[in-house]
Amino acid sequence: MGSPFRALRARWRGWSRWRRALVALAVAVAVPMATLGAVFVAIRLHYTGAASAEARTRGRDAVWLGHAWVDGRKSEADVAALADQLAGTGVRDLYVHTGPLEHDGSLPPSVHPRARWFTETLHRALPRIRLQGWLGDEVKPEKDALDLEDAATRDRVTASARQVLDLGFDGVHFDMEPIRPGSAGWLALLDRVRTVTGERGAKLSVAAPQIDPLPGLHTAGILLTDHGKWWDRAYFTETARRVDQIAVMTYDTSMPTEPLFGGYVALQTELALEATPKDVDLLMGLPFFWDDKWGHWGDAETVDAAVRGVRLGLGREDARRANFGVALYVDFASTPEHWAAYRRGWVG
């Protein structure tokens, strides 16, 4: 071993400085590229195999509904059409955009003038459907907006949750982004609002980021881009155990092909099942919208691929889990093809 190594070292020393620099650069590029390639192969393998016959709707699915339902743009005819659309599906919850919250956590009544009308009309048309008021805002420190580390802000958000319940909603749904893992203010807010919803016999649910597909990726993402895209598993669990329902936003994944996107959804489903307490409803988000940019490849992020990924992940990890469903984002961007793929692949 010694002689070949000495010969190689001598050859290396005989090269020019520029040649050695080029070789070092090639190695520096090749190693991370090989690592990235291995990650993509692993994700792609999650999309292989047959989906379990048990991995179908449990009647615990949800849909995010846009603001038009509470600001006066919708009518009785629209509610009737929505009822027809939901007939024969597994949808039980509707997350109705009732905010947005002000940056101080308050909720002006002027932003949802027809909320009471909608809750009363929808409950008459679909008495078995639960309506949750969807409240959200951008969050500090990444955005100059809601400061959840501030106790007074949390008090105002809690008061806003009470307002939503007073309007006839059956629960409160938070979508606040981007919350960085480790935020004590977020967990404290959930504890406060869970007390309120519990006293009212209502539900508390949240939209959650994806879980680290690689250990420590959330930290690297924040350091490199100052953007908190993922949560570590421990923080995901800390959030999940404080709510009745957690919906993972498994879209905008940057996966460039359907098999990679579906494999990524399968992986996220497995990770989320491991991290979510059994008595909490876990919902995996499906992309009921089209976009085409670096973070969301429209031809890749299809409902068909997402549903197959969810079924594969559920079948591998916990095929008989009762507290499980999918969440459809979002009604105003959905097409008949999205709904057909959901019915065909998930409802069965």
Protein backbone atom coordinates (compact mmCIF):
# COMPACT_ATOMS: atom_id res chain seq x y z
CA MET A 1 0.00 0.00 0.00
CA GLY A 2 2.86 2.36 0.78
CA SER A 3 4.49 2.36 -2.68
CA PRO A 4 1.35 3.15 -4.73
CA PHE A 5 0.42 5.87 -2.26
CA ARG A 6 3.88 7.46 -2.51
CA ALA A 7 3.67 7.31 -6.30
CA LEU A 8 0.26 8.98 -6.28
CA ARG A 9 1.51 11.68 -3.92
CA ALA A 10 4.53 12.32 -6.12
CA ARG A 11 2.31 12.57 -9.18
CA TRP A 12 0.03 15.02 -7.37
CA ARG A 13 3.01 17.20 -6.43
CA GLY A 14 4.18 17.11 -10.02
CA TRP A 15 0.99 18.72 -11.28
CA SER A 16 0.75 22.46 -11.72
CA ARG A 17 -1.06 24.57 -9.14
CA TRP A 18 -3.93 25.18 -11.58
CA ARG A 19 -4.34 21.50 -12.36
CA ARG A 20 -4.45 20.62 -8.67
CA ALA A 21 -6.99 23.39 -8.11
CA LEU A 22 -9.22 22.04 -10.88
CA VAL A 23 -9.09 18.51 -9.46
CA ALA A 24 -9.89 19.78 -5.97
CA LEU A 25 -12.81 21.78 -7.35
CA ALA A 26 -14.13 18.74 -9.22
CA VAL A 27 -14.01 16.67 -6.05
CA ALA A 28 -15.68 19.45 -4.06
CA VAL A 29 -18.53 19.52 -6.57
CA ALA A 30 -18.78 15.76 -7.06
CA VAL A 31 -19.16 14.83 -3.38
CA PRO A 32 -22.26 16.95 -2.64
CA MET A 33 -23.73 16.06 -6.05
CA ALA A 34 -23.31 12.38 -5.27
CA THR A 35 -24.94 12.92 -1.88
CA LEU A 36 -27.83 14.80 -3.50
CA GLY A 37 -28.18 12.03 -6.06
CA ALA A 38 -28.39 9.44 -3.31
CA VAL A 39 -31.12 11.47 -1.61
CA PHE A 40 -33.15 11.64 -4.83
CA VAL A 41 -32.76 7.89 -5.33
CA ALA A 42 -34.00 7.25 -1.79
CA ILE A 43 -36.99 9.55 -2.33
CA ARG A 44 -37.80 7.88 -5.65
CA LEU A 45 -37.76 4.45 -4.00
CA HIS A 46 -40.49 5.60 -1.62
CA TYR A 47 -42.79 5.80 -4.65
CA THR A 48 -42.39 2.11 -5.51
CA GLY A 49 -44.62 -0.79 -4.55
CA ALA A 50 -48.36 -1.34 -4.34
CA ALA A 51 -50.62 0.84 -2.21
CA SER A 52 -52.49 -0.92 0.59
CA ALA A 53 -56.19 -1.54 0.01
CA GLU A 54 -56.74 -0.23 3.55
CA ALA A 55 -55.16 3.11 2.70
CA ARG A 56 -58.36 4.92 1.76
CA THR A 57 -60.40 7.75 3.21
CA ARG A 58 -61.55 7.41 6.81
CA GLY A 59 -64.09 10.21 6.37
CA ARG A 60 -61.75 12.68 8.10
CA ASP A 61 -60.63 14.77 5.14
CA ALA A 62 -60.67 18.57 4.94
CA VAL A 63 -60.72 21.42 2.43
CA TRP A 64 -59.24 24.90 2.77
CA LEU A 65 -61.86 27.44 1.61
CA GLY A 66 -60.98 30.95 0.47
CA HIS A 67 -62.11 34.29 1.85
CA ALA A 68 -64.97 34.72 -0.62
CA TRP A 69 -67.23 32.61 1.61
CA VAL A 70 -67.25 35.23 4.38
CA ASP A 71 -66.85 38.58 2.61
CA GLY A 72 -70.09 38.71 0.63
CA ARG A 73 -69.06 37.22 -2.71
CA LYS A 74 -70.91 33.92 -2.21
CA SER A 75 -74.63 33.14 -2.27
CA GLU A 76 -77.08 30.39 -1.31
CA ALA A 77 -76.55 28.91 -4.76
CA ASP A 78 -72.81 28.67 -4.11
CA VAL A 79 -73.44 26.84 -0.84
CA ALA A 80 -75.72 24.40 -2.66
CA ALA A 81 -73.02 23.82 -5.28
CA LEU A 82 -70.45 23.24 -2.54
CA ALA A 83 -72.75 20.70 -0.91
CA ASP A 84 -73.05 18.85 -4.22
CA GLN A 85 -69.27 18.89 -4.65
CA LEU A 86 -68.69 17.40 -1.20
CA ALA A 87 -71.35 14.70 -1.54
CA GLY A 88 -69.88 11.21 -1.51
CA THR A 89 -66.41 12.36 -0.46
CA GLY A 90 -64.52 11.86 2.79
CA VAL A 91 -64.58 15.55 3.70
CA ARG A 92 -65.57 16.31 7.31
CA ASP A 93 -63.87 19.67 7.99
CA LEU A 94 -63.80 22.97 6.13
CA TYR A 95 -61.08 25.48 7.01
CA VAL A 96 -62.72 28.78 6.10
CA HIS A 97 -60.43 31.79 5.67
CA THR A 98 -61.86 34.22 8.23
CA GLY A 99 -58.84 36.47 8.74
CA PRO A 100 -56.26 37.59 7.96
CA LEU A 101 -55.17 38.67 11.40
CA GLU A 102 -53.71 42.11 11.88
CA HIS A 103 -50.00 42.11 12.70
CA ASP A 104 -50.90 42.81 16.34
CA GLY A 105 -53.04 39.64 16.50
CA SER A 106 -56.45 41.31 16.36
CA LEU A 107 -59.27 40.39 13.95
CA PRO A 108 -61.34 43.31 12.61
CA PRO A 109 -65.01 42.32 12.09
CA SER A 110 -64.93 44.22 8.81
CA VAL A 111 -62.86 41.51 7.12
CA HIS A 112 -65.56 38.84 7.50
CA PRO A 113 -68.95 40.60 7.27
CA ARG A 114 -70.81 37.48 6.08
CA ALA A 115 -69.20 34.90 8.36
CA ARG A 116 -72.31 34.44 10.50
CA TRP A 117 -74.44 34.02 7.38
CA PHE A 118 -72.06 31.36 6.06
CA THR A 119 -71.90 29.30 9.25
CA GLU A 120 -75.69 29.29 9.58
CA THR A 121 -76.30 28.51 5.90
CA LEU A 122 -73.66 25.79 5.68
CA HIS A 123 -74.79 24.12 8.89
CA ARG A 124 -78.33 23.92 7.51
CA ALA A 125 -77.14 22.49 4.20
CA LEU A 126 -74.48 20.14 5.63
CA PRO A 127 -75.13 19.56 9.33
CA ARG A 128 -72.44 16.87 9.60
CA ILE A 129 -69.66 19.11 8.28
CA ARG A 130 -67.49 20.98 10.79
CA LEU A 131 -66.54 24.56 10.04
CA GLN A 132 -63.26 25.89 11.37
CA GLY A 133 -62.32 29.55 11.17
CA TRP A 134 -58.96 29.79 9.40
CA LEU A 135 -56.80 32.53 10.92
CA GLY A 136 -53.31 33.36 9.76
CA ASP A 137 -50.57 35.87 9.20
CA GLU A 138 -46.88 36.04 8.44
CA VAL A 139 -44.64 35.71 11.48
CA LYS A 140 -41.48 37.26 12.89
CA PRO A 141 -38.49 37.05 12.78
CA GLU A 142 -38.49 36.18 9.08
CA LYS A 143 -41.30 38.62 8.29
CA ASP A 144 -42.05 42.01 9.83
CA ALA A 145 -45.46 40.88 11.00
CA LEU A 146 -46.98 38.85 13.86
CA ASP A 147 -44.74 38.49 16.93
CA LEU A 148 -45.78 35.30 18.70
CA GLU A 149 -43.04 35.70 21.29
CA ASP A 150 -44.92 38.75 22.60
CA ALA A 151 -47.48 37.90 25.31
CA ALA A 152 -49.80 40.79 24.41
CA THR A 153 -49.91 39.62 20.80
CA ARG A 154 -50.80 36.10 21.92
CA ASP A 155 -53.58 37.55 24.07
CA ARG A 156 -55.05 39.31 21.04
CA VAL A 157 -54.81 36.17 18.89
CA THR A 158 -56.61 34.24 21.63
CA ALA A 159 -59.34 36.90 21.66
CA SER A 160 -59.59 36.56 17.87
CA ALA A 161 -60.11 32.82 18.28
CA ARG A 162 -63.00 33.54 20.65
CA GLN A 163 -64.49 35.90 18.05
CA VAL A 164 -64.43 33.12 15.46
CA LEU A 165 -66.23 30.71 17.77
CA ASP A 166 -68.81 33.39 18.56
CA LEU A 167 -69.60 33.52 14.82
CA GLY A 168 -70.76 29.91 14.86
CA PHE A 169 -67.62 28.11 13.79
CA ASP A 170 -66.96 24.65 15.23
CA GLY A 171 -63.25 25.24 15.64
CA VAL A 172 -60.21 27.40 14.99
CA HIS A 173 -57.58 26.66 12.35
CA PHE A 174 -54.21 28.43 12.45
CA ASP A 175 -51.94 28.85 9.44
CA MET A 176 -49.09 31.11 10.55
CA GLU A 177 -45.94 31.11 8.48
CA PRO A 178 -43.05 30.71 8.74
CA ILE A 179 -42.84 29.54 12.35
CA ARG A 180 -39.32 28.42 13.14
CA PRO A 181 -38.83 25.27 15.18
CA GLY A 182 -38.06 26.17 18.75
CA SER A 183 -40.56 29.03 18.93
CA ALA A 184 -41.84 28.99 22.51
CA GLY A 185 -44.43 31.63 21.66
CA TRP A 186 -46.17 29.36 19.15
CA LEU A 187 -46.48 26.55 21.67
CA ALA A 188 -47.69 28.97 24.35
CA LEU A 189 -50.35 30.29 21.97
CA LEU A 190 -51.61 26.79 21.25
CA ASP A 191 -51.85 26.06 24.97
CA ARG A 192 -53.91 29.23 25.49
CA VAL A 193 -56.26 28.66 22.58
CA ARG A 194 -56.68 24.95 23.33
CA THR A 195 -58.12 25.95 26.70
CA VAL A 196 -60.61 28.24 24.94
CA THR A 197 -61.69 25.66 22.36
CA GLY A 198 -61.91 22.95 25.02
CA GLU A 199 -64.24 25.07 27.12
CA ARG A 200 -66.46 25.63 24.08
CA GLY A 201 -66.46 22.02 22.87
CA ALA A 202 -64.68 23.18 19.70
CA LYS A 203 -61.66 21.92 17.77
CA LEU A 204 -58.19 23.42 17.35
CA SER A 205 -56.21 22.61 14.22
CA VAL A 206 -53.07 23.90 12.56
CA ALA A 207 -51.37 23.86 9.18
CA ALA A 208 -47.80 22.63 9.68
CA PRO A 209 -44.62 22.69 7.58
CA GLN A 210 -42.99 19.55 6.27
CA ILE A 211 -40.69 17.53 8.52
CA ASP A 212 -36.92 17.39 7.97
CA PRO A 213 -36.36 14.74 5.27
CA LEU A 214 -32.74 14.74 6.48
CA PRO A 215 -31.68 15.31 10.10
CA GLY A 216 -30.80 18.93 10.73
CA LEU A 217 -32.02 20.17 7.36
CA HIS A 218 -34.19 22.85 8.99
CA THR A 219 -31.10 24.36 10.60
CA ALA A 220 -29.15 24.33 7.34
CA GLY A 221 -32.09 25.91 5.53
CA ILE A 222 -32.29 28.80 7.98
CA LEU A 223 -28.52 29.36 7.92
CA LEU A 224 -28.28 29.29 4.13
CA THR A 225 -31.52 31.00 3.09
CA ASP A 226 -32.89 32.58 6.29
CA HIS A 227 -36.11 30.68 5.57
CA GLY A 228 -37.67 28.11 7.88
CA LYS A 229 -39.17 25.58 5.44
CA TRP A 230 -39.03 22.45 7.63
CA TRP A 231 -39.59 21.49 11.24
CA ASP A 232 -37.59 18.89 13.11
CA ARG A 233 -39.57 15.89 14.27
CA ALA A 234 -39.46 16.83 17.96
CA TYR A 235 -40.98 20.27 17.36
CA PHE A 236 -43.62 18.80 15.08
CA THR A 237 -44.62 16.45 17.91
CA GLU A 238 -44.67 19.31 20.43
CA THR A 239 -47.12 21.12 18.16
CA ALA A 240 -49.23 18.06 17.35
CA ARG A 241 -49.84 17.10 20.96
CA ARG A 242 -51.32 20.55 21.64
CA VAL A 243 -54.03 20.36 18.96
CA ASP A 244 -56.90 18.17 17.79
CA GLN A 245 -55.83 18.16 14.17
CA ILE A 246 -52.61 18.85 12.26
CA ALA A 247 -52.49 19.27 8.48
CA VAL A 248 -49.08 18.98 6.81
CA MET A 249 -48.56 21.30 3.84
CA THR A 250 -47.09 18.64 1.55
CA TYR A 251 -46.86 20.82 -1.54
CA ASP A 252 -44.39 23.43 -2.82
CA THR A 253 -41.74 20.74 -2.46
CA SER A 254 -39.34 21.66 -5.31
CA MET A 255 -39.55 18.07 -6.57
CA PRO A 256 -39.19 18.18 -10.39
CA THR A 257 -40.98 14.95 -11.41
CA GLU A 258 -44.15 13.10 -10.42
CA PRO A 259 -42.30 10.04 -9.03
CA LEU A 260 -40.01 12.25 -6.94
CA PHE A 261 -42.94 14.32 -5.69
CA GLY A 262 -44.97 11.21 -4.89
CA GLY A 263 -42.00 9.61 -3.15
CA TYR A 264 -41.44 12.77 -1.14
CA VAL A 265 -45.11 12.79 -0.07
CA ALA A 266 -44.82 9.13 0.92
CA LEU A 267 -41.74 9.93 3.02
CA GLN A 268 -43.46 12.91 4.65
CA THR A 269 -46.49 10.75 5.42
CA GLU A 270 -44.31 8.18 7.16
CA LEU A 271 -42.43 10.84 9.13
CA ALA A 272 -45.66 12.58 10.17
CA LEU A 273 -47.28 9.32 11.26
CA GLU A 274 -44.28 8.61 13.47
CA ALA A 275 -44.39 12.11 14.97
CA THR A 276 -48.14 12.54 15.57
CA PRO A 277 -49.88 11.16 18.68
CA LYS A 278 -52.45 8.47 17.87
CA ASP A 279 -55.36 10.50 19.25
CA VAL A 280 -54.63 13.51 17.01
CA ASP A 281 -56.05 13.72 13.48
CA LEU A 282 -53.19 13.80 10.96
CA LEU A 283 -54.01 15.17 7.51
CA MET A 284 -51.65 15.29 4.54
CA GLY A 285 -52.09 18.25 2.21
CA LEU A 286 -52.91 17.71 -1.47
CA PRO A 287 -52.18 20.41 -4.11
CA PHE A 288 -55.55 21.44 -5.56
CA PHE A 289 -53.90 24.27 -7.50
CA TRP A 290 -51.48 24.87 -10.35
CA ASP A 291 -48.21 26.73 -10.17
CA ASP A 292 -44.97 26.44 -12.08
CA LYS A 293 -41.87 27.82 -10.42
CA TRP A 294 -38.71 26.55 -8.76
CA GLY A 295 -40.49 25.62 -5.54
CA HIS A 296 -43.53 24.06 -7.22
CA TRP A 297 -43.26 22.17 -10.51
CA GLY A 298 -46.82 22.03 -11.84
CA ASP A 299 -46.34 18.91 -13.95
CA ALA A 300 -44.82 17.10 -10.96
CA GLU A 301 -47.06 18.15 -8.07
CA THR A 302 -50.23 16.40 -9.19
CA VAL A 303 -53.11 15.11 -7.10
CA ASP A 304 -52.60 11.61 -8.54
CA ALA A 305 -48.97 11.52 -7.38
CA ALA A 306 -49.81 13.02 -3.99
CA VAL A 307 -52.61 10.52 -3.32
CA ARG A 308 -50.46 7.57 -4.32
CA GLY A 309 -47.67 8.88 -2.09
CA VAL A 310 -50.04 9.25 0.86
CA ARG A 311 -51.40 5.74 0.36
CA LEU A 312 -47.91 4.24 0.11
CA GLY A 313 -46.70 6.03 3.23
CA LEU A 314 -49.82 5.17 5.21
CA GLY A 315 -49.69 1.54 4.14
CA ARG A 316 -46.07 1.16 5.18
CA GLU A 317 -46.28 2.97 8.50
CA ASP A 318 -49.78 2.47 9.95
CA ALA A 319 -52.40 1.27 7.45
CA ARG A 320 -55.11 0.91 10.11
CA ARG A 321 -54.69 4.28 11.77
CA ALA A 322 -58.17 5.76 12.20
CA ASN A 323 -57.24 9.41 12.85
CA PHE A 324 -55.95 10.14 9.37
CA GLY A 325 -57.02 11.99 6.25
CA VAL A 326 -56.03 14.36 3.48
CA ALA A 327 -56.53 18.13 3.25
CA LEU A 328 -57.27 19.73 -0.12
CA TYR A 329 -55.63 23.12 -0.84
CA VAL A 330 -57.49 25.15 -2.05
CA ASP A 331 -61.12 25.42 -3.23
CA PHE A 332 -60.85 28.55 -5.40
CA ALA A 333 -57.94 27.15 -7.45
CA SER A 334 -59.28 23.60 -7.81
CA THR A 335 -60.44 22.02 -11.06
CA PRO A 336 -62.81 19.13 -11.83
CA GLU A 337 -59.69 17.09 -12.63
CA HIS A 338 -58.35 17.65 -9.11
CA TRP A 339 -61.59 16.45 -7.57
CA ALA A 340 -61.78 13.46 -9.92
CA ALA A 341 -58.24 12.40 -9.00
CA TYR A 342 -59.05 12.71 -5.28
CA ARG A 343 -62.24 10.65 -5.64
CA ARG A 344 -60.59 8.04 -7.83
CA GLY A 345 -57.40 7.62 -5.85
CA TRP A 346 -58.43 8.25 -2.25
CA VAL A 347 -62.20 7.90 -1.86
CA GLY A 348 -62.33 4.81 -4.10
